[in-house]
PDB file of N, CA and C in Angstrom:
ATOM      1  N   MET A   1       0.894  -1.172  -0.170  1.00  0.00           N
ATOM      2  CA  MET A   1      -0.020   0.160   0.365  1.00  0.00           C
ATOM      3  C   MET A   1       0.901   1.793  -0.003  1.00  0.00           C
ATOM      4  N   THR A   2       0.730   2.501  -0.722  1.00  0.00           N
ATOM      5  CA  THR A   2       1.523   3.406  -0.966  1.00  0.00           C
ATOM      6  C   THR A   2       0.937   4.861   0.287  1.00  0.00           C
ATOM      7  N   PRO A   3       2.260   5.068   0.589  1.00  0.00           N
ATOM      8  CA  PRO A   3       1.324   6.371   1.955  1.00  0.00           C
ATOM      9  C   PRO A   3       0.283   6.660   1.806  1.00  0.00           C
ATOM     10  N   SER A   4      -0.288   7.775   0.112  1.00  0.00           N
ATOM     11  CA  SER A   4      -1.011   8.162   0.293  1.00  0.00           C
ATOM     12  C   SER A   4      -2.183   7.319  -0.082  1.00  0.00           C
ATOM     13  N   GLU A   5      -2.416   5.821  -0.194  1.00  0.00           N
ATOM     14  CA  GLU A   5      -3.228   5.097  -0.229  1.00  0.00           C
ATOM     15  C   GLU A   5      -3.900   4.485   1.343  1.00  0.00           C
ATOM     16  N   LYS A   6      -2.422   4.985   2.028  1.00  0.00           N
ATOM     17  CA  LYS A   6      -2.537   4.217   3.377  1.00  0.00           C
ATOM     18  C   LYS A   6      -3.186   5.862   4.594  1.00  0.00           C
ATOM     19  N   LYS A   7      -2.626   7.210   3.574  1.00  0.00           N
ATOM     20  CA  LYS A   7      -3.322   8.328   4.358  1.00  0.00           C
ATOM     21  C   LYS A   7      -4.870   8.774   4.166  1.00  0.00           C
ATOM     22  N   ARG A   8      -5.459   7.983   2.970  1.00  0.00           N
ATOM     23  CA  ARG A   8      -6.115   8.450   2.119  1.00  0.00           C
ATOM     24  C   ARG A   8      -7.468   7.355   3.327  1.00  0.00           C
ATOM     25  N   ARG A   9      -7.130   6.411   4.128  1.00  0.00           N
ATOM     26  CA  ARG A   9      -7.902   4.818   4.885  1.00  0.00           C
ATOM     27  C   ARG A   9      -7.793   5.697   6.459  1.00  0.00           C
ATOM     28  N   SER A  10      -7.436   6.778   6.644  1.00  0.00           N
ATOM     29  CA  SER A  10      -7.257   6.856   8.063  1.00  0.00           C
ATOM     30  C   SER A  10      -7.869   8.142   8.142  1.00  0.00           C
ATOM     31  N   ALA A  11      -8.957   7.812   9.760  1.00  0.00           N
ATOM     32  CA  ALA A  11      -9.742   8.870   9.797  1.00  0.00           C
ATOM     33  C   ALA A  11      -9.567  10.453  10.395  1.00  0.00           C
ATOM     34  N   ARG A  12      -9.934  11.148   9.315  1.00  0.00           N
ATOM     35  CA  ARG A  12      -9.252  12.522   8.914  1.00  0.00           C
ATOM     36  C   ARG A  12     -10.473  12.623  10.250  1.00  0.00           C
ATOM     37  N   LEU A  13      -9.498  14.310  10.908  1.00  0.00           N
ATOM     38  CA  LEU A  13     -10.480  15.142  11.648  1.00  0.00           C
ATOM     39  C   LEU A  13     -10.250  16.701  10.646  1.00  0.00           C
ATOM     40  N   HIS A  14     -11.577  17.099  10.524  1.00  0.00           N
ATOM     41  CA  HIS A  14     -11.108  18.413  10.159  1.00  0.00           C
ATOM     42  C   HIS A  14     -11.031  19.920  10.905  1.00  0.00           C
ATOM     43  N   HIS A  15     -10.420  20.216  12.074  1.00  0.00           N
ATOM     44  CA  HIS A  15     -10.715  21.087  12.917  1.00  0.00           C
ATOM     45  C   HIS A  15      -9.111  21.657  13.241  1.00  0.00           C
ATOM     46  N   GLU A  16      -9.636  22.891  14.022  1.00  0.00           N
ATOM     47  CA  GLU A  16      -8.294  24.176  14.199  1.00  0.00           C
ATOM     48  C   GLU A  16      -7.586  23.971  15.237  1.00  0.00           C
ATOM     49  N   ILE A  17      -6.117  23.313  15.276  1.00  0.00           N
ATOM     50  CA  ILE A  17      -5.362  22.657  16.277  1.00  0.00           C
ATOM     51  C   ILE A  17      -4.510  23.648  16.481  1.00  0.00           C
ATOM     52  N   PRO A  18      -2.999  24.162  16.781  1.00  0.00           N
ATOM     53  CA  PRO A  18      -2.154  24.780  16.974  1.00  0.00           C
ATOM     54  C   PRO A  18      -1.254  24.241  16.518  1.00  0.00           C
ATOM     55  N   VAL A  19       0.071  24.600  15.920  1.00  0.00           N
ATOM     56  CA  VAL A  19       1.042  23.633  15.729  1.00  0.00           C
ATOM     57  C   VAL A  19       2.099  24.046  15.355  1.00  0.00           C
ATOM     58  N   ALA A  20       3.327  24.461  16.081  1.00  0.00           N
ATOM     59  CA  ALA A  20       4.606  24.279  15.866  1.00  0.00           C
ATOM     60  C   ALA A  20       5.239  23.346  14.752  1.00  0.00           C
ATOM     61  N   TYR A  21       6.608  23.886  14.020  1.00  0.00           N
ATOM     62  CA  TYR A  21       7.026  23.293  13.793  1.00  0.00           C
ATOM     63  C   TYR A  21       8.864  24.035  13.202  1.00  0.00           C
ATOM     64  N   ARG A  22       9.435  23.412  12.981  1.00  0.00           N
ATOM     65  CA  ARG A  22      10.900  23.558  12.909  1.00  0.00           C
ATOM     66  C   ARG A  22      11.801  23.288  11.165  1.00  0.00           C
ATOM     67  N   THR A  23      12.344  23.638  10.751  1.00  0.00           N
ATOM     68  CA  THR A  23      13.021  23.365   9.958  1.00  0.00           C
ATOM     69  C   THR A  23      14.551  23.741  10.586  1.00  0.00           C
ATOM     70  N   VAL A  24      15.569  23.526   9.399  1.00  0.00           N
ATOM     71  CA  VAL A  24      16.735  23.836   9.217  1.00  0.00           C
ATOM     72  C   VAL A  24      17.087  25.374   9.160  1.00  0.00           C
ATOM     73  N   GLY A  25      16.930  26.533  10.291  1.00  0.00           N
ATOM     74  CA  GLY A  25      17.251  27.578   9.870  1.00  0.00           C
ATOM     75  C   GLY A  25      15.496  28.894  10.922  1.00  0.00           C
ATOM     76  N   ALA A  26      14.708  27.610  10.840  1.00  0.00           N
ATOM     77  CA  ALA A  26      13.226  28.110  10.994  1.00  0.00           C
ATOM     78  C   ALA A  26      12.725  27.658  11.912  1.00  0.00           C
ATOM     79  N   PHE A  27      11.562  28.439  13.015  1.00  0.00           N
ATOM     80  CA  PHE A  27      11.141  28.072  13.698  1.00  0.00           C
ATOM     81  C   PHE A  27       9.539  29.044  13.634  1.00  0.00           C
ATOM     82  N   LEU A  28       8.296  28.306  13.093  1.00  0.00           N
ATOM     83  CA  LEU A  28       7.056  28.227  12.931  1.00  0.00           C
ATOM     84  C   LEU A  28       6.110  28.208  12.898  1.00  0.00           C
ATOM     85  N   SER A  29       4.775  28.931  13.468  1.00  0.00           N
ATOM     86  CA  SER A  29       4.077  28.541  14.201  1.00  0.00           C
ATOM     87  C   SER A  29       2.850  28.847  13.021  1.00  0.00           C
ATOM     88  N   ASP A  30       1.460  27.933  13.467  1.00  0.00           N
ATOM     89  CA  ASP A  30       0.497  27.811  12.341  1.00  0.00           C
ATOM     90  C   ASP A  30      -0.387  27.601  12.928  1.00  0.00           C
ATOM     91  N   TRP A  31      -1.612  26.639  11.796  1.00  0.00           N
ATOM     92  CA  TRP A  31      -2.711  26.536  12.531  1.00  0.00           C
ATOM     93  C   TRP A  31      -2.971  24.683  11.628  1.00  0.00           C
ATOM     94  N   ALA A  32      -2.729  23.314  12.283  1.00  0.00           N
ATOM     95  CA  ALA A  32      -3.220  22.593  11.999  1.00  0.00           C
ATOM     96  C   ALA A  32      -4.448  22.855  11.532  1.00  0.00           C
ATOM     97  N   THR A  33      -5.415  22.868  10.097  1.00  0.00           N
ATOM     98  CA  THR A  33      -7.214  22.420   9.719  1.00  0.00           C
ATOM     99  C   THR A  33      -7.312  20.988   9.524  1.00  0.00           C
ATOM    100  N   ASP A  34      -6.379  19.744   9.634  1.00  0.00           N
ATOM    101  CA  ASP A  34      -6.914  18.416   8.736  1.00  0.00           C
ATOM    102  C   ASP A  34      -5.435  17.814  10.276  1.00  0.00           C
ATOM    103  N   ILE A  35      -6.121  16.565  10.426  1.00  0.00           N
ATOM    104  CA  ILE A  35      -5.283  15.758  11.165  1.00  0.00           C
ATOM    105  C   ILE A  35      -5.473  14.454  11.437  1.00  0.00           C
ATOM    106  N   SER A  36      -4.637  13.411  11.261  1.00  0.00           N
ATOM    107  CA  SER A  36      -4.910  11.506  11.064  1.00  0.00           C
ATOM    108  C   SER A  36      -4.041  11.848  11.639  1.00  0.00           C
ATOM    109  N   GLN A  37      -3.869   9.938  11.890  1.00  0.00           N
ATOM    110  CA  GLN A  37      -3.018   9.363  13.190  1.00  0.00           C
ATOM    111  C   GLN A  37      -1.655   9.292  11.740  1.00  0.00           C
ATOM    112  N   GLY A  38      -1.453   9.761  10.300  1.00  0.00           N
ATOM    113  CA  GLY A  38      -0.968   9.871   9.662  1.00  0.00           C
ATOM    114  C   GLY A  38      -0.364  10.952   9.052  1.00  0.00           C
ATOM    115  N   GLY A  39      -0.822  11.956   9.493  1.00  0.00           N
ATOM    116  CA  GLY A  39      -0.253  13.008   8.745  1.00  0.00           C
ATOM    117  C   GLY A  39      -1.442  14.652   8.903  1.00  0.00           C
ATOM    118  N   LEU A  40      -0.845  15.267   9.182  1.00  0.00           N
ATOM    119  CA  LEU A  40      -1.848  16.613   9.021  1.00  0.00           C
ATOM    120  C   LEU A  40      -1.544  17.480   8.267  1.00  0.00           C
ATOM    121  N   PHE A  41      -2.687  18.878   7.721  1.00  0.00           N
ATOM    122  CA  PHE A  41      -2.560  19.778   6.667  1.00  0.00           C
ATOM    123  C   PHE A  41      -1.847  21.353   7.576  1.00  0.00           C
ATOM    124  N   ILE A  42      -1.007  21.935   7.591  1.00  0.00           N
ATOM    125  CA  ILE A  42      -0.872  23.181   7.733  1.00  0.00           C
ATOM    126  C   ILE A  42      -1.513  24.470   7.188  1.00  0.00           C
ATOM    127  N   ASN A  43      -2.174  24.983   7.395  1.00  0.00           N
ATOM    128  CA  ASN A  43      -2.801  26.219   7.044  1.00  0.00           C
ATOM    129  C   ASN A  43      -1.769  27.401   7.161  1.00  0.00           C
ATOM    130  N   THR A  44      -0.946  27.192   5.556  1.00  0.00           N
ATOM    131  CA  THR A  44      -0.356  28.805   5.894  1.00  0.00           C
ATOM    132  C   THR A  44      -0.041  29.196   4.334  1.00  0.00           C
ATOM    133  N   ARG A  45       0.194  30.160   4.370  1.00  0.00           N
ATOM    134  CA  ARG A  45       0.438  30.971   2.985  1.00  0.00           C
ATOM    135  C   ARG A  45       1.621  30.749   3.237  1.00  0.00           C
ATOM    136  N   ASN A  46       2.718  30.274   3.107  1.00  0.00           N
ATOM    137  CA  ASN A  46       3.850  30.280   2.922  1.00  0.00           C
ATOM    138  C   ASN A  46       4.340  28.886   2.886  1.00  0.00           C
ATOM    139  N   PRO A  47       4.618  28.223   2.809  1.00  0.00           N
ATOM    140  CA  PRO A  47       4.180  27.145   2.725  1.00  0.00           C
ATOM    141  C   PRO A  47       5.770  26.065   1.839  1.00  0.00           C
ATOM    142  N   LEU A  48       6.796  25.159   3.164  1.00  0.00           N
ATOM    143  CA  LEU A  48       7.889  24.554   2.873  1.00  0.00           C
ATOM    144  C   LEU A  48       7.711  24.011   1.466  1.00  0.00           C
ATOM    145  N   PRO A  49       8.580  23.853   1.118  1.00  0.00           N
ATOM    146  CA  PRO A  49       8.866  22.571  -0.114  1.00  0.00           C
ATOM    147  C   PRO A  49       8.807  21.397  -0.275  1.00  0.00           C
ATOM    148  N   VAL A  50       8.263  20.667  -1.435  1.00  0.00           N
ATOM    149  CA  VAL A  50       7.617  18.925  -1.305  1.00  0.00           C
ATOM    150  C   VAL A  50       9.200  18.672  -0.729  1.00  0.00           C
ATOM    151  N   GLY A  51       9.221  17.954   0.113  1.00  0.00           N
ATOM    152  CA  GLY A  51      10.240  16.835   0.223  1.00  0.00           C
ATOM    153  C   GLY A  51      11.060  17.220   1.660  1.00  0.00           C
ATOM    154  N   THR A  52      10.402  18.523   2.287  1.00  0.00           N
ATOM    155  CA  THR A  52      11.057  19.157   3.343  1.00  0.00           C
ATOM    156  C   THR A  52      11.298  18.968   4.758  1.00  0.00           C
ATOM    157  N   ALA A  53      12.090  18.276   5.247  1.00  0.00           N
ATOM    158  CA  ALA A  53      12.091  17.620   6.523  1.00  0.00           C
ATOM    159  C   ALA A  53      11.839  17.741   7.852  1.00  0.00           C
ATOM    160  N   VAL A  54      10.757  18.523   8.428  1.00  0.00           N
ATOM    161  CA  VAL A  54       9.817  19.155  10.231  1.00  0.00           C
ATOM    162  C   VAL A  54      10.119  18.686  11.005  1.00  0.00           C
ATOM    163  N   LYS A  55      10.509  19.084  12.070  1.00  0.00           N
ATOM    164  CA  LYS A  55      10.018  18.635  13.103  1.00  0.00           C
ATOM    165  C   LYS A  55       8.727  19.380  14.082  1.00  0.00           C
ATOM    166  N   ILE A  56       7.907  18.475  14.440  1.00  0.00           N
ATOM    167  CA  ILE A  56       6.330  19.469  14.609  1.00  0.00           C
ATOM    168  C   ILE A  56       5.883  19.221  16.210  1.00  0.00           C
ATOM    169  N   LEU A  57       5.699  20.227  16.981  1.00  0.00           N
ATOM    170  CA  LEU A  57       4.931  20.168  18.398  1.00  0.00           C
ATOM    171  C   LEU A  57       4.013  20.466  18.379  1.00  0.00           C
ATOM    172  N   ILE A  58       3.102  19.688  18.907  1.00  0.00           N
ATOM    173  CA  ILE A  58       1.616  19.685  18.752  1.00  0.00           C
ATOM    174  C   ILE A  58       0.576  19.349  20.093  1.00  0.00           C
ATOM    175  N   GLN A  59      -0.036  20.889  20.669  1.00  0.00           N
ATOM    176  CA  GLN A  59      -0.797  19.899  21.599  1.00  0.00           C
ATOM    177  C   GLN A  59      -2.264  19.760  21.526  1.00  0.00           C
ATOM    178  N   LEU A  60      -2.436  18.513  21.606  1.00  0.00           N
ATOM    179  CA  LEU A  60      -3.543  17.507  21.535  1.00  0.00           C
ATOM    180  C   LEU A  60      -4.609  18.444  22.490  1.00  0.00           C
ATOM    181  N   PRO A  61      -5.903  19.064  21.841  1.00  0.00           N
ATOM    182  CA  PRO A  61      -6.683  18.927  23.186  1.00  0.00           C
ATOM    183  C   PRO A  61      -6.963  18.000  24.435  1.00  0.00           C
ATOM    184  N   GLY A  62      -6.590  17.888  25.357  1.00  0.00           N
ATOM    185  CA  GLY A  62      -6.827  16.985  26.571  1.00  0.00           C
ATOM    186  C   GLY A  62      -5.587  16.511  27.064  1.00  0.00           C
ATOM    187  N   ALA A  63      -4.751  16.677  26.210  1.00  0.00           N
ATOM    188  CA  ALA A  63      -3.194  15.458  25.904  1.00  0.00           C
ATOM    189  C   ALA A  63      -3.000  16.116  27.725  1.00  0.00           C
ATOM    190  N   SER A  64      -1.837  15.466  28.150  1.00  0.00           N
ATOM    191  CA  SER A  64      -1.479  16.150  29.325  1.00  0.00           C
ATOM    192  C   SER A  64       0.106  16.104  28.970  1.00  0.00           C
ATOM    193  N   PHE A  65       0.471  16.277  28.013  1.00  0.00           N
ATOM    194  CA  PHE A  65       1.640  16.934  27.305  1.00  0.00           C
ATOM    195  C   PHE A  65       1.572  16.581  25.654  1.00  0.00           C
ATOM    196  N   PRO A  66       2.427  17.821  24.988  1.00  0.00           N
ATOM    197  CA  PRO A  66       2.307  18.194  23.339  1.00  0.00           C
ATOM    198  C   PRO A  66       3.556  16.849  22.915  1.00  0.00           C
ATOM    199  N   TYR A  67       3.346  16.131  21.886  1.00  0.00           N
ATOM    200  CA  TYR A  67       3.361  15.274  20.630  1.00  0.00           C
ATOM    201  C   TYR A  67       4.458  16.394  19.754  1.00  0.00           C
ATOM    202  N   HIS A  68       6.036  15.233  20.152  1.00  0.00           N
ATOM    203  CA  HIS A  68       7.336  15.966  19.085  1.00  0.00           C
ATOM    204  C   HIS A  68       6.651  14.953  17.969  1.00  0.00           C
ATOM    205  N   LEU A  69       6.548  15.571  16.974  1.00  0.00           N
ATOM    206  CA  LEU A  69       6.736  14.260  15.582  1.00  0.00           C
ATOM    207  C   LEU A  69       7.714  14.988  14.630  1.00  0.00           C
ATOM    208  N   ASP A  70       8.332  13.928  13.954  1.00  0.00           N
ATOM    209  CA  ASP A  70       8.694  14.266  13.012  1.00  0.00           C
ATOM    210  C   ASP A  70       7.495  14.259  11.536  1.00  0.00           C
ATOM    211  N   GLY A  71       8.198  14.882  10.370  1.00  0.00           N
ATOM    212  CA  GLY A  71       6.928  14.571   8.930  1.00  0.00           C
ATOM    213  C   GLY A  71       8.129  15.685   8.331  1.00  0.00           C
ATOM    214  N   ARG A  72       7.552  15.221   7.179  1.00  0.00           N
ATOM    215  CA  ARG A  72       7.994  15.742   5.196  1.00  0.00           C
ATOM    216  C   ARG A  72       6.640  16.266   4.939  1.00  0.00           C
ATOM    217  N   VAL A  73       6.991  17.150   4.330  1.00  0.00           N
ATOM    218  CA  VAL A  73       6.076  18.097   3.088  1.00  0.00           C
ATOM    219  C   VAL A  73       5.856  16.983   2.013  1.00  0.00           C
ATOM    220  N   THR A  74       4.599  16.349   1.977  1.00  0.00           N
ATOM    221  CA  THR A  74       4.414  15.710   1.090  1.00  0.00           C
ATOM    222  C   THR A  74       3.313  16.989  -0.163  1.00  0.00           C
ATOM    223  N   ARG A  75       2.420  17.731  -0.397  1.00  0.00           N
ATOM    224  CA  ARG A  75       1.597  18.534  -1.061  1.00  0.00           C
ATOM    225  C   ARG A  75       1.930  19.345  -0.532  1.00  0.00           C
ATOM    226  N   VAL A  76       1.858  20.517  -1.490  1.00  0.00           N
ATOM    227  CA  VAL A  76       2.015  21.863  -1.494  1.00  0.00           C
ATOM    228  C   VAL A  76       0.649  22.669  -1.823  1.00  0.00           C
ATOM    229  N   SER A  77      -0.721  23.468  -1.328  1.00  0.00           N
ATOM    230  CA  SER A  77      -1.068  25.018  -2.080  1.00  0.00           C
ATOM    231  C   SER A  77      -0.950  25.500  -1.588  1.00  0.00           C
ATOM    232  N   PRO A  78      -0.741  26.506  -2.950  1.00  0.00           N
ATOM    233  CA  PRO A  78       0.553  27.941  -2.411  1.00  0.00           C
ATOM    234  C   PRO A  78      -1.197  28.481  -2.207  1.00  0.00           C
ATOM    235  N   PHE A  79      -1.020  29.935  -1.748  1.00  0.00           N
ATOM    236  CA  PHE A  79      -1.031  30.910  -1.899  1.00  0.00           C
ATOM    237  C   PHE A  79      -2.131  31.085  -2.813  1.00  0.00           C
ATOM    238  N   GLY A  80      -3.400  31.962  -3.129  1.00  0.00           N
ATOM    239  CA  GLY A  80      -3.993  32.225  -5.000  1.00  0.00           C
ATOM    240  C   GLY A  80      -3.830  31.303  -5.438  1.00  0.00           C
ATOM    241  N   ASN A  81      -4.184  29.785  -4.911  1.00  0.00           N
ATOM    242  CA  ASN A  81      -4.546  28.867  -6.106  1.00  0.00           C
ATOM    243  C   ASN A  81      -5.963  28.777  -6.482  1.00  0.00           C
ATOM    244  N   THR A  82      -6.370  27.431  -6.977  1.00  0.00           N
ATOM    245  CA  THR A  82      -7.396  27.936  -7.161  1.00  0.00           C
ATOM    246  C   THR A  82      -8.654  28.172  -6.662  1.00  0.00           C
ATOM    247  N   VAL A  83      -9.875  28.106  -6.364  1.00  0.00           N
ATOM    248  CA  VAL A  83     -11.134  29.537  -5.209  1.00  0.00           C
ATOM    249  C   VAL A  83     -11.429  28.139  -4.822  1.00  0.00           C
ATOM    250  N   ASN A  84     -11.039  28.518  -3.504  1.00  0.00           N
ATOM    251  CA  ASN A  84     -12.218  27.705  -2.221  1.00  0.00           C
ATOM    252  C   ASN A  84     -11.077  26.632  -1.399  1.00  0.00           C
ATOM    253  N   VAL A  85      -9.399  26.772  -2.554  1.00  0.00           N
ATOM    254  CA  VAL A  85      -8.557  25.525  -1.820  1.00  0.00           C
ATOM    255  C   VAL A  85      -7.330  26.486  -0.710  1.00  0.00           C
ATOM    256  N   VAL A  86      -7.921  25.807   0.320  1.00  0.00           N
ATOM    257  CA  VAL A  86      -7.203  26.408   1.420  1.00  0.00           C
ATOM    258  C   VAL A  86      -5.586  26.737   0.920  1.00  0.00           C
ATOM    259  N   PRO A  87      -4.624  27.166   1.103  1.00  0.00           N
ATOM    260  CA  PRO A  87      -3.179  27.330   1.303  1.00  0.00           C
ATOM    261  C   PRO A  87      -2.493  26.768   2.477  1.00  0.00           C
ATOM    262  N   GLY A  88      -1.301  25.900   1.977  1.00  0.00           N
ATOM    263  CA  GLY A  88      -0.739  25.581   3.156  1.00  0.00           C
ATOM    264  C   GLY A  88       0.063  24.427   2.555  1.00  0.00           C
ATOM    265  N   MET A  89      -0.178  23.528   3.652  1.00  0.00           N
ATOM    266  CA  MET A  89       1.122  21.930   2.803  1.00  0.00           C
ATOM    267  C   MET A  89       0.615  20.955   4.092  1.00  0.00           C
ATOM    268  N   GLY A  90       0.757  19.414   3.599  1.00  0.00           N
ATOM    269  CA  GLY A  90       0.522  18.468   3.840  1.00  0.00           C
ATOM    270  C   GLY A  90       1.634  18.293   4.140  1.00  0.00           C
ATOM    271  N   ILE A  91       1.518  17.553   5.864  1.00  0.00           N
ATOM    272  CA  ILE A  91       3.032  16.784   6.238  1.00  0.00           C
ATOM    273  C   ILE A  91       2.392  14.988   6.794  1.00  0.00           C
ATOM    274  N   GLU A  92       3.401  14.157   6.323  1.00  0.00           N
ATOM    275  CA  GLU A  92       3.195  13.083   6.578  1.00  0.00           C
ATOM    276  C   GLU A  92       4.324  12.494   7.322  1.00  0.00           C
ATOM    277  N   PHE A  93       3.919  12.077   9.074  1.00  0.00           N
ATOM    278  CA  PHE A  93       4.631  11.664  10.174  1.00  0.00           C
ATOM    279  C   PHE A  93       5.789  10.763   9.888  1.00  0.00           C
ATOM    280  N   THR A  94       6.699  10.365   9.872  1.00  0.00           N
ATOM    281  CA  THR A  94       7.150   9.990   9.193  1.00  0.00           C
ATOM    282  C   THR A  94       8.575   8.801  10.542  1.00  0.00           C
ATOM    283  N   SER A  95       8.633   8.969  11.905  1.00  0.00           N
ATOM    284  CA  SER A  95       8.706   8.429  12.618  1.00  0.00           C
ATOM    285  C   SER A  95       8.075   8.683  14.436  1.00  0.00           C
ATOM    286  N   VAL A  96       6.779   7.987  13.606  1.00  0.00           N
ATOM    287  CA  VAL A  96       5.644   7.710  14.838  1.00  0.00           C
ATOM    288  C   VAL A  96       5.411   6.121  15.294  1.00  0.00           C
ATOM    289  N   ASP A  97       5.771   6.332  16.968  1.00  0.00           N
ATOM    290  CA  ASP A  97       6.333   4.460  17.417  1.00  0.00           C
ATOM    291  C   ASP A  97       4.465   3.979  17.408  1.00  0.00           C
ATOM    292  N   GLU A  98       3.812   2.910  17.569  1.00  0.00           N
ATOM    293  CA  GLU A  98       2.718   2.590  16.889  1.00  0.00           C
ATOM    294  C   GLU A  98       2.162   3.123  18.824  1.00  0.00           C
ATOM    295  N   PRO A  99       2.098   3.735  19.414  1.00  0.00           N
ATOM    296  CA  PRO A  99       1.390   3.388  20.907  1.00  0.00           C
ATOM    297  C   PRO A  99       1.016   4.889  20.201  1.00  0.00           C
ATOM    298  N   ARG A 100       1.545   5.885  19.725  1.00  0.00           N
ATOM    299  CA  ARG A 100       1.374   6.916  19.584  1.00  0.00           C
ATOM    300  C   ARG A 100       0.746   7.451  18.170  1.00  0.00           C
ATOM    301  N   ARG A 101       0.994   6.719  17.811  1.00  0.00           N
ATOM    302  CA  ARG A 101      -0.457   6.291  15.827  1.00  0.00           C
ATOM    303  C   ARG A 101      -1.573   5.221  16.522  1.00  0.00           C
ATOM    304  N   ARG A 102      -1.887   5.017  18.212  1.00  0.00           N
ATOM    305  CA  ARG A 102      -3.077   4.559  18.172  1.00  0.00           C
ATOM    306  C   ARG A 102      -3.497   5.656  19.372  1.00  0.00           C
ATOM    307  N   GLU A 103      -2.125   6.092  20.024  1.00  0.00           N
ATOM    308  CA  GLU A 103      -3.279   7.618  20.777  1.00  0.00           C
ATOM    309  C   GLU A 103      -3.556   8.373  19.668  1.00  0.00           C
ATOM    310  N   LEU A 104      -3.222   9.276  18.656  1.00  0.00           N
ATOM    311  CA  LEU A 104      -4.229   9.969  17.699  1.00  0.00           C
ATOM    312  C   LEU A 104      -4.431   9.654  17.139  1.00  0.00           C
ATOM    313  N   GLU A 105      -4.867   8.598  16.631  1.00  0.00           N
ATOM    314  CA  GLU A 105      -6.420   8.087  15.835  1.00  0.00           C
ATOM    315  C   GLU A 105      -7.108   7.832  16.816  1.00  0.00           C
ATOM    316  N   ALA A 106      -6.621   7.809  18.751  1.00  0.00           N
ATOM    317  CA  ALA A 106      -7.963   7.714  19.425  1.00  0.00           C
ATOM    318  C   ALA A 106      -8.515   9.340  19.642  1.00  0.00           C
ATOM    319  N   PHE A 107      -7.802  10.093  19.300  1.00  0.00           N
ATOM    320  CA  PHE A 107      -7.934  11.516  19.304  1.00  0.00           C
ATOM    321  C   PHE A 107      -9.002  12.129  18.281  1.00  0.00           C
ATOM    322  N   VAL A 108      -8.903  11.796  17.209  1.00  0.00           N
ATOM    323  CA  VAL A 108      -9.653  12.038  16.250  1.00  0.00           C
ATOM    324  C   VAL A 108     -10.446  11.723  16.215  1.00  0.00           C
ATOM    325  N   SER A 109     -10.470  10.133  16.753  1.00  0.00           N
ATOM    326  CA  SER A 109     -12.259   9.439  16.867  1.00  0.00           C
ATOM    327  C   SER A 109     -12.706  10.259  17.944  1.00  0.00           C
ATOM    328  N   ARG A 110     -12.134  10.563  19.231  1.00  0.00           N
ATOM    329  CA  ARG A 110     -12.855  11.248  20.162  1.00  0.00           C
ATOM    330  C   ARG A 110     -13.412  12.721  20.111  1.00  0.00           C
ATOM    331  N   LEU A 111     -12.782  13.314  18.871  1.00  0.00           N
ATOM    332  CA  LEU A 111     -13.015  14.099  18.512  1.00  0.00           C
ATOM    333  C   LEU A 111     -13.774  14.320  18.059  1.00  0.00           C
ATOM    334  N   ARG A 112     -13.623  13.779  17.043  1.00  0.00           N
ATOM    335  CA  ARG A 112     -14.433  14.179  15.897  1.00  0.00           C
ATOM    336  C   ARG A 112     -16.504  13.343  16.540  1.00  0.00           C
ATOM    337  N   HIS A 113     -16.587  12.477  17.818  1.00  0.00           N
ATOM    338  CA  HIS A 113     -17.730  12.119  18.186  1.00  0.00           C
ATOM    339  C   HIS A 113     -17.905  13.108  19.282  1.00  0.00           C
ATOM    340  N   ASP A 114     -17.043  13.765  19.593  1.00  0.00           N
ATOM    341  CA  ASP A 114     -17.613  14.833  20.325  1.00  0.00           C
ATOM    342  C   ASP A 114     -18.180  15.828  19.409  1.00  0.00           C
ATOM    343  N   LEU A 115     -18.051  16.588  18.431  1.00  0.00           N
ATOM    344  CA  LEU A 115     -17.870  17.358  17.352  1.00  0.00           C
ATOM    345  C   LEU A 115     -19.132  16.933  16.839  1.00  0.00           C
ATOM    346  N   ASP A 116     -19.605  15.929  16.081  1.00  0.00           N
ATOM    347  CA  ASP A 116     -21.203  14.664  16.269  1.00  0.00           C
ATOM    348  C   ASP A 116     -21.932  15.536  17.047  1.00  0.00           C
ATOM    349  N   GLU A 117     -21.620  15.489  18.811  1.00  0.00           N
ATOM    350  CA  GLU A 117     -22.534  15.016  19.257  1.00  0.00           C
ATOM    351  C   GLU A 117     -23.191  16.529  19.523  1.00  0.00           C
ATOM    352  N   SER A 118     -21.951  17.942  18.866  1.00  0.00           N
ATOM    353  CA  SER A 118     -22.219  19.578  18.981  1.00  0.00           C
ATOM    354  C   SER A 118     -23.192  19.704  18.466  1.00  0.00           C
TER     355      SER A 118
END
């Protein structure tokens, strides 16, 4: 299964969560607007190039500690693109151990359930 196919099979949550990330020489913060156990989409007018490695720091609501994750930019949606397409970049997590992956999936499922009930 390709990473794209695996990513599509992961439950996704469309919800804004603050995220900080760094690359060689830069520390940035924006909003993640889509998160799954396999990655996230960061809403930004200044996306990094595809292939860029990033270190991500994300505090999930209800978690007692922030998650430190490694990722790589897999797709870019530039500012000023097609109508109704949010500018930003898709990040695939590259080194998430299985317990943390399960925690991310549980978070996405729990928050989706909470949002569906409200």
